[in-house]
Structure formats: C-alpha cells, structure tokens
Amino acid sequence: MSETTDAGAVRGTIRPLGMIGLGAMGAPICRRLIAAGYQMAVFDVDAAAAPAWRAEGARFADSPEEVAGRARIVLLSLPGPPEVEAVIAGPAGLLAAAQPGDVIVDLSTNAYATVLAMSEAAAKVGVHFVDAPVSGGVAGAVKGRLAVMAGGEAAVIARIEPILAAFAARVFHAGPAGMGTMAKLVNNQIFLTAATAVQEGLVLAAKAGFDSGQLLEILKASSAAGYVGMAPLFLNRAFDEVMFRLGLAHKDLSLALQSADDLGVPMPQTKAALATYQDAIDKGLGGKVFYATLAALEANAGTQVAKPEPAP
C-alpha cells in the first residue's frame, strides 16, 4: 500500500473510502464515517437510495467494481455469505478492479469457510482481507459505540483502526483471518441459545401458575442468576421494538451451525435453539425482535408469562 492510501491519509483527501451495503447497520456506519471527515464512495443494491446519499455528500457508484476503482479501502456491511461472495469475487465485484495493497474490511456476520475463501481469493491478487464483524446493534452504530472483532494481519488492522474508531468504541484483534468471524458467531450463538433456555423456564413456571416477579427474585438469588439478566427484557414483551430482528437471529445461528459442521463440531443445544427460532418464523414472528421466540414457546404451551408487577 502506498503512503497516500494509508488509513490515516485517506481521511479528508481526494481518494475516498468505499462502503458497500447501506442497510440497517451500514447506513449509520457510513454516516459516522462522513461525520468523521471521510469522503465516501458507496454502493447498495437499492439504487433508489442514491439521491439521498448524494445529498449527504457520498458518491453513489453503479457497482462494487466502481467502488474498488475509486477507493483503496472498502468496507462491507451485507446480509450474509452469498452477498459477500458476489460483492468481492463476482463479475463486477471488488477484485475485478482492486489494486495490490487494497484492503477489504468485511463488517458482515459471515460464515467461517466463506471468510477463509474470500481472504484467499483476495490474497491471490495482493489484496488484504479483514473480517471485522460488529456487535452493538443499530443503536451502537448510530452512537459510534460498536465493538469490532477483527481477524487478519495485525499490521493491516492497525492501519485501518483510525477508520474503525469512527464507529467503534473497542476494536479487538482476534487473530488471523476468520477469527473475528468466529468470535462473532460464538457470541451470538451463546446469547441466542441461552435466551431460549431462559424463556423455556419462564414458560414452564407460568404454566404451573408461578408468579413471574417472585420467580425472578428467586432466580436472581440462586445459581441461575448469571443467566437471567435479560429476563426482564423478555417479559416487557415489546416484540415490535426491533433492535435485532428474529429473522436475523435465525440467520446468525444458522451460520454458527454451518461453521460448526465445516469444523466437525457437534452443537446439539444450538440446533435445538435454531428449531425454536424457525418455529417462531413459521408463526409469522420473523420480523419481530429476536426474543419474540417467547411468544412462540407460549403458544405451544398454551400459556403466557405475565409481566412482573412493579415494585412498590
């Protein structure tokens, strides 16, 4: 990479950063970068968004290839592996116009095998690939408080860290390519699987007639205390306040299981949790918040967990 394409030198210069994927996460991340003084060359499959982004000062490209022709560092925020593969290695993808020393930073939640394949494809043409999935949701992206889990060469991650700092509170160097993705998959696998276990317990107690407020007080003083921290959120029943869509939770668990299969790791509890998320989708809850699985479990049990009474 030449001195003029260093992450610090990109800011405020004629040559912009690239951003591909301007959805729920990509849009606020891109706005944080614009606010930090970076010029942006952007692309999204929704071409109707172009005028709005031009009004915000970004240059809207016609393809990922065009973004690669304008930016030496390109960030991706995409739905999943097929979109990442198409954007990087497709006929009009980034590698069609990339130059040796360019950097692709994939902020998407991806599959481990896909990350390794894209890293290898990029390396063949002298391009650096960093898998850097994020945690913190849309609110964290808007506030610039995301956590980034970066996998790749330490020197490359260090060079892009000033860019990541525009939207992240913490940047973790997780190890070589693939390790950022593995950290994100395990994080989501743990909290999404644990959520269904907690909900099952709440539904069981409700079916027996146990008061939910009293139950929570008991659990918080007992060995389950470390697992029930999100229970009040579940019991608030704000299923339409979508911070993290149930359909995306299903996708993330599926990616964790796909990666586990690729590595030969059985994950029976996670498979059972995925079945619960699938059942919730089948019941029409895919567009609700991730913990609307509670409603699916309640429907199957023929009961509902009551909101705890407010403390006097």
Protein backbone atom coordinates (compact mmCIF):
# COMPACT_ATOMS: atom_id res chain seq x y z
CA MET A 1 0.00 0.00 0.00
CA SER A 2 1.37 3.38 -0.91
CA GLU A 3 1.68 6.19 1.64
CA THR A 4 -1.26 8.00 0.02
CA THR A 5 -3.56 5.06 0.74
CA ASP A 6 -2.71 4.71 4.43
CA ALA A 7 -5.86 4.74 6.61
CA GLY A 8 -4.82 7.99 8.25
CA ALA A 9 -4.03 9.65 4.94
CA VAL A 10 -7.37 8.67 3.40
CA ARG A 11 -9.27 10.98 5.71
CA GLY A 12 -10.15 14.28 4.08
CA THR A 13 -8.21 13.56 0.88
CA ILE A 14 -9.48 13.28 -2.69
CA ARG A 15 -9.36 9.49 -2.65
CA PRO A 16 -12.34 8.21 -0.65
CA LEU A 17 -13.17 5.20 1.42
CA GLY A 18 -15.60 2.69 -0.02
CA MET A 19 -18.77 1.42 1.66
CA ILE A 20 -20.94 -1.33 0.23
CA GLY A 21 -24.23 -2.16 1.90
CA LEU A 22 -26.27 0.73 3.28
CA GLY A 23 -28.86 -1.15 5.28
CA ALA A 24 -29.76 -1.04 8.96
CA MET A 25 -26.11 -1.25 10.08
CA GLY A 26 -24.25 0.00 7.01
CA ALA A 27 -26.12 3.30 6.80
CA PRO A 28 -25.30 4.59 10.32
CA ILE A 29 -21.72 3.34 9.99
CA CYS A 30 -21.36 5.24 6.72
CA ARG A 31 -22.82 8.38 8.30
CA ARG A 32 -20.33 8.13 11.17
CA LEU A 33 -17.51 7.99 8.62
CA ILE A 34 -18.86 11.01 6.73
CA ALA A 35 -19.16 12.91 10.02
CA ALA A 36 -15.55 11.99 10.81
CA GLY A 37 -14.42 13.71 7.61
CA TYR A 38 -14.00 10.78 5.26
CA GLN A 39 -15.09 11.09 1.65
CA MET A 40 -17.22 8.07 0.73
CA ALA A 41 -17.76 6.11 -2.47
CA VAL A 42 -20.79 3.94 -1.77
CA PHE A 43 -22.92 1.23 -3.37
CA ASP A 44 -26.15 -0.50 -2.45
CA VAL A 45 -28.49 -2.73 -4.43
CA ASP A 46 -31.23 -0.20 -3.70
CA ALA A 47 -30.40 2.32 -6.41
CA ALA A 48 -33.35 4.44 -5.31
CA ALA A 49 -31.26 5.45 -2.29
CA ALA A 50 -28.69 7.18 -4.50
CA PRO A 51 -30.12 10.74 -4.38
CA ALA A 52 -30.33 10.72 -0.58
CA TRP A 53 -26.73 9.55 -0.23
CA ARG A 54 -25.50 12.10 -2.77
CA ALA A 55 -27.27 14.75 -0.69
CA GLU A 56 -25.26 13.55 2.32
CA GLY A 57 -22.03 14.03 0.38
CA ALA A 58 -21.31 10.46 -0.72
CA ARG A 59 -20.58 9.41 -4.29
CA PHE A 60 -23.03 6.64 -5.22
CA ALA A 61 -21.44 4.09 -7.55
CA ASP A 62 -23.08 1.78 -10.07
CA SER A 63 -21.30 -1.38 -8.89
CA PRO A 64 -18.82 -2.73 -6.32
CA GLU A 65 -16.24 -2.72 -9.11
CA GLU A 66 -16.66 1.04 -9.48
CA VAL A 67 -16.20 1.48 -5.72
CA ALA A 68 -12.96 -0.52 -5.93
CA GLY A 69 -11.81 1.75 -8.73
CA ARG A 70 -12.24 4.81 -6.51
CA ALA A 71 -11.26 3.59 -3.03
CA ARG A 72 -8.24 1.71 -1.75
CA ILE A 73 -10.02 0.69 1.45
CA VAL A 74 -13.57 -0.69 1.15
CA LEU A 75 -15.92 -1.67 3.98
CA LEU A 76 -18.77 -4.17 3.54
CA SER A 77 -21.98 -4.47 5.57
CA LEU A 78 -24.00 -7.20 3.87
CA PRO A 79 -26.71 -9.75 4.77
CA GLY A 80 -24.60 -12.92 4.55
CA PRO A 81 -22.16 -15.18 2.68
CA PRO A 82 -23.80 -15.15 -0.80
CA GLU A 83 -23.84 -11.35 -0.90
CA VAL A 84 -20.26 -11.10 0.40
CA GLU A 85 -19.01 -13.57 -2.22
CA ALA A 86 -20.82 -11.75 -5.03
CA VAL A 87 -19.55 -8.32 -3.97
CA ILE A 88 -15.94 -9.47 -3.62
CA ALA A 89 -15.47 -12.13 -6.29
CA GLY A 90 -18.43 -11.66 -8.66
CA PRO A 91 -18.14 -10.45 -12.27
CA ALA A 92 -18.49 -6.78 -11.25
CA GLY A 93 -17.02 -7.32 -7.79
CA LEU A 94 -14.26 -5.62 -5.89
CA LEU A 95 -11.48 -7.92 -7.06
CA ALA A 96 -12.24 -7.02 -10.69
CA ALA A 97 -10.84 -3.52 -10.09
CA ALA A 98 -8.76 -3.89 -6.91
CA GLN A 99 -5.10 -2.96 -6.81
CA PRO A 100 -2.33 -4.70 -4.87
CA GLY A 101 -2.28 -3.33 -1.34
CA ASP A 102 -6.01 -2.55 -1.23
CA VAL A 103 -7.93 -3.53 1.90
CA ILE A 104 -11.37 -5.13 2.10
CA VAL A 105 -12.96 -4.86 5.56
CA ASP A 106 -15.97 -7.14 5.95
CA LEU A 107 -18.21 -5.95 8.80
CA SER A 108 -20.87 -8.56 7.98
CA THR A 109 -21.76 -11.58 10.09
CA ASN A 110 -20.40 -14.30 7.85
CA ALA A 111 -19.62 -18.00 7.68
CA TYR A 112 -16.14 -19.09 8.73
CA ALA A 113 -15.49 -21.01 5.50
CA THR A 114 -16.61 -18.06 3.38
CA VAL A 115 -14.24 -15.73 5.20
CA LEU A 116 -11.30 -18.06 4.61
CA ALA A 117 -12.22 -18.42 0.93
CA MET A 118 -12.55 -14.66 0.41
CA SER A 119 -9.30 -14.00 2.27
CA GLU A 120 -7.53 -16.48 0.00
CA ALA A 121 -9.11 -15.04 -3.16
CA ALA A 122 -8.06 -11.52 -2.14
CA ALA A 123 -4.52 -12.60 -1.28
CA LYS A 124 -4.05 -14.08 -4.76
CA VAL A 125 -4.26 -10.57 -6.24
CA GLY A 126 -2.33 -8.88 -3.44
CA VAL A 127 -5.39 -7.53 -1.59
CA HIS A 128 -5.67 -7.61 2.20
CA PHE A 129 -8.86 -9.01 3.71
CA VAL A 130 -10.02 -8.27 7.26
CA ASP A 131 -13.10 -9.95 8.68
CA ALA A 132 -14.39 -7.44 11.22
CA PRO A 133 -17.95 -8.23 12.32
CA VAL A 134 -19.51 -5.85 14.81
CA SER A 135 -21.64 -6.09 17.93
CA GLY A 136 -23.83 -3.43 19.48
CA GLY A 137 -26.77 -3.22 17.11
CA VAL A 138 -28.16 -0.24 15.26
CA ALA A 139 -28.10 1.92 18.39
CA GLY A 140 -24.39 1.22 18.83
CA ALA A 141 -23.72 2.07 15.19
CA VAL A 142 -25.59 5.38 15.45
CA LYS A 143 -23.69 6.34 18.62
CA GLY A 144 -20.31 5.05 17.39
CA ARG A 145 -20.17 2.54 20.25
CA LEU A 146 -19.81 -0.74 18.37
CA ALA A 147 -17.39 -3.50 19.29
CA VAL A 148 -15.34 -4.73 16.32
CA MET A 149 -13.83 -8.23 16.26
CA ALA A 150 -11.12 -8.13 13.62
CA GLY A 151 -9.37 -11.09 12.03
CA GLY A 152 -6.40 -10.59 9.73
CA GLU A 153 -2.84 -9.32 9.63
CA ALA A 154 -2.01 -7.26 12.72
CA ALA A 155 -0.27 -4.56 10.68
CA VAL A 156 -3.28 -4.14 8.39
CA ILE A 157 -5.70 -3.97 11.31
CA ALA A 158 -3.50 -1.32 12.94
CA ARG A 159 -3.60 0.76 9.75
CA ILE A 160 -7.38 0.68 9.46
CA GLU A 161 -8.02 1.22 13.18
CA PRO A 162 -8.41 5.02 12.78
CA ILE A 163 -11.25 4.30 10.37
CA LEU A 164 -12.88 1.77 12.69
CA ALA A 165 -12.64 4.29 15.54
CA ALA A 166 -15.22 6.46 13.76
CA PHE A 167 -17.95 3.96 14.65
CA ALA A 168 -16.43 1.65 17.29
CA ALA A 169 -15.73 2.01 20.98
CA ARG A 170 -13.48 -1.05 21.03
CA VAL A 171 -11.52 -2.91 18.38
CA PHE A 172 -10.36 -6.42 19.22
CA HIS A 173 -7.63 -8.09 17.16
CA ALA A 174 -8.99 -11.63 17.40
CA GLY A 175 -6.19 -13.28 15.42
CA PRO A 176 -5.68 -14.32 11.78
CA ALA A 177 -8.38 -14.27 9.10
CA GLY A 178 -11.54 -15.99 10.29
CA MET A 179 -11.07 -15.37 13.98
CA GLY A 180 -13.12 -12.16 14.01
CA THR A 181 -15.99 -14.06 12.43
CA MET A 182 -15.56 -16.94 14.87
CA ALA A 183 -15.75 -14.55 17.84
CA LYS A 184 -18.98 -13.01 16.48
CA LEU A 185 -20.59 -16.36 15.73
CA VAL A 186 -19.80 -17.72 19.18
CA ASN A 187 -21.06 -14.54 20.86
CA ASN A 188 -24.39 -14.72 19.05
CA GLN A 189 -24.64 -18.49 19.40
CA ILE A 190 -24.26 -18.24 23.18
CA PHE A 191 -26.70 -15.42 23.84
CA LEU A 192 -29.35 -16.56 21.35
CA THR A 193 -29.26 -20.16 22.56
CA ALA A 194 -29.27 -19.11 26.21
CA ALA A 195 -32.24 -16.81 25.56
CA THR A 196 -34.43 -19.73 24.53
CA ALA A 197 -33.40 -21.77 27.58
CA VAL A 198 -34.38 -18.92 29.90
CA GLN A 199 -37.67 -18.45 28.08
CA GLU A 200 -38.50 -22.14 28.32
CA GLY A 201 -38.04 -21.98 32.08
CA LEU A 202 -40.27 -18.92 32.36
CA VAL A 203 -42.99 -20.61 30.31
CA LEU A 204 -42.77 -23.79 32.38
CA ALA A 205 -43.21 -21.82 35.61
CA ALA A 206 -46.08 -19.81 34.13
CA LYS A 207 -47.90 -22.98 33.10
CA ALA A 208 -47.66 -24.14 36.71
CA GLY A 209 -49.08 -20.83 37.92
CA PHE A 210 -45.86 -19.40 39.37
CA ASP A 211 -45.77 -15.60 39.70
CA SER A 212 -43.09 -14.30 37.30
CA GLY A 213 -41.94 -11.50 39.60
CA GLN A 214 -41.40 -13.85 42.52
CA LEU A 215 -39.67 -16.34 40.25
CA LEU A 216 -37.20 -13.72 39.03
CA GLU A 217 -36.36 -12.70 42.59
CA ILE A 218 -35.63 -16.33 43.45
CA LEU A 219 -33.56 -16.90 40.32
CA LYS A 220 -31.51 -13.73 40.87
CA ALA A 221 -30.54 -15.03 44.32
CA SER A 222 -29.79 -18.54 43.08
CA SER A 223 -27.41 -20.39 40.78
CA ALA A 224 -29.33 -19.27 37.67
CA ALA A 225 -28.53 -15.62 38.44
CA GLY A 226 -25.86 -15.37 35.75
CA TYR A 227 -28.31 -16.45 33.06
CA VAL A 228 -31.47 -14.45 33.75
CA GLY A 229 -30.17 -10.91 33.27
CA MET A 230 -32.20 -10.48 30.08
CA ALA A 231 -35.40 -11.95 31.53
CA PRO A 232 -36.91 -8.52 32.37
CA LEU A 233 -36.38 -7.51 28.74
CA PHE A 234 -38.20 -10.64 27.56
CA LEU A 235 -41.07 -10.08 29.96
CA ASN A 236 -41.52 -6.48 28.83
CA ARG A 237 -43.00 -8.09 25.70
CA ALA A 238 -42.02 -5.17 23.42
CA PHE A 239 -41.87 -7.51 20.44
CA ASP A 240 -42.32 -4.70 17.91
CA GLU A 241 -39.35 -2.67 19.19
CA VAL A 242 -36.90 -4.29 16.82
CA MET A 243 -33.31 -3.79 17.93
CA PHE A 244 -32.32 -7.15 16.42
CA ARG A 245 -34.77 -8.93 14.15
CA LEU A 246 -35.73 -12.52 14.91
CA GLY A 247 -35.12 -13.47 11.28
CA LEU A 248 -31.53 -12.22 11.57
CA ALA A 249 -31.07 -14.17 14.79
CA HIS A 250 -32.12 -17.30 12.90
CA LYS A 251 -29.59 -16.47 10.18
CA ASP A 252 -26.77 -15.98 12.68
CA LEU A 253 -27.49 -19.28 14.45
CA SER A 254 -27.60 -20.99 11.05
CA LEU A 255 -24.16 -19.55 10.21
CA ALA A 256 -22.77 -20.75 13.54
CA LEU A 257 -24.08 -24.26 12.85
CA GLN A 258 -22.81 -24.19 9.26
CA SER A 259 -19.36 -23.25 10.57
CA ALA A 260 -19.58 -25.95 13.23
CA ASP A 261 -20.41 -28.55 10.59
CA ASP A 262 -17.44 -27.40 8.49
CA LEU A 263 -15.17 -27.86 11.51
CA GLY A 264 -16.74 -31.12 12.68
CA VAL A 265 -18.10 -29.74 15.97
CA PRO A 266 -21.49 -31.12 17.16
CA MET A 267 -23.73 -28.41 18.68
CA PRO A 268 -26.96 -30.12 19.78
CA GLN A 269 -28.16 -27.31 22.05
CA THR A 270 -27.69 -24.73 19.31
CA LYS A 271 -29.58 -26.94 16.85
CA ALA A 272 -32.46 -27.13 19.30
CA ALA A 273 -32.43 -23.34 19.69
CA LEU A 274 -32.45 -22.89 15.92
CA ALA A 275 -35.59 -25.05 15.75
CA THR A 276 -37.26 -22.63 18.19
CA TYR A 277 -36.34 -19.62 16.05
CA GLN A 278 -37.62 -21.47 12.97
CA ASP A 279 -40.88 -22.24 14.75
CA ALA A 280 -41.25 -18.54 15.61
CA ILE A 281 -40.68 -17.62 11.95
CA ASP A 282 -43.26 -20.19 10.89
CA LYS A 283 -45.68 -18.49 13.28
CA GLY A 284 -45.13 -15.17 11.49
CA LEU A 285 -42.75 -13.64 14.04
CA GLY A 286 -39.66 -13.29 11.83
CA GLY A 287 -39.99 -9.51 11.61
CA LYS A 288 -40.32 -9.08 15.37
CA VAL A 289 -37.49 -8.62 17.86
CA PHE A 290 -35.30 -11.70 18.44
CA TYR A 291 -36.82 -12.58 21.81
CA ALA A 292 -40.32 -12.89 20.32
CA THR A 293 -39.45 -16.60 20.45
CA LEU A 294 -41.13 -16.27 23.85
CA ALA A 295 -44.48 -15.83 22.10
CA ALA A 296 -43.89 -18.99 20.07
CA LEU A 297 -43.00 -21.01 23.17
CA GLU A 298 -46.06 -19.65 24.97
CA ALA A 299 -48.32 -20.58 22.06
CA ASN A 300 -47.00 -24.13 22.07
CA ALA A 301 -47.56 -24.43 25.83
CA GLY A 302 -50.96 -22.78 25.84
CA THR A 303 -49.97 -20.19 28.42
CA GLN A 304 -48.50 -16.71 28.73
CA VAL A 305 -45.84 -15.38 31.09
CA ALA A 306 -47.29 -12.39 32.91
CA LYS A 307 -45.31 -9.19 33.30
CA PRO A 308 -43.95 -8.89 36.84
CA GLU A 309 -45.81 -6.38 38.99
CA PRO A 310 -43.89 -3.12 39.50
CA ALA A 311 -42.02 -2.90 42.78
CA PRO A 312 -43.92 -0.83 45.39
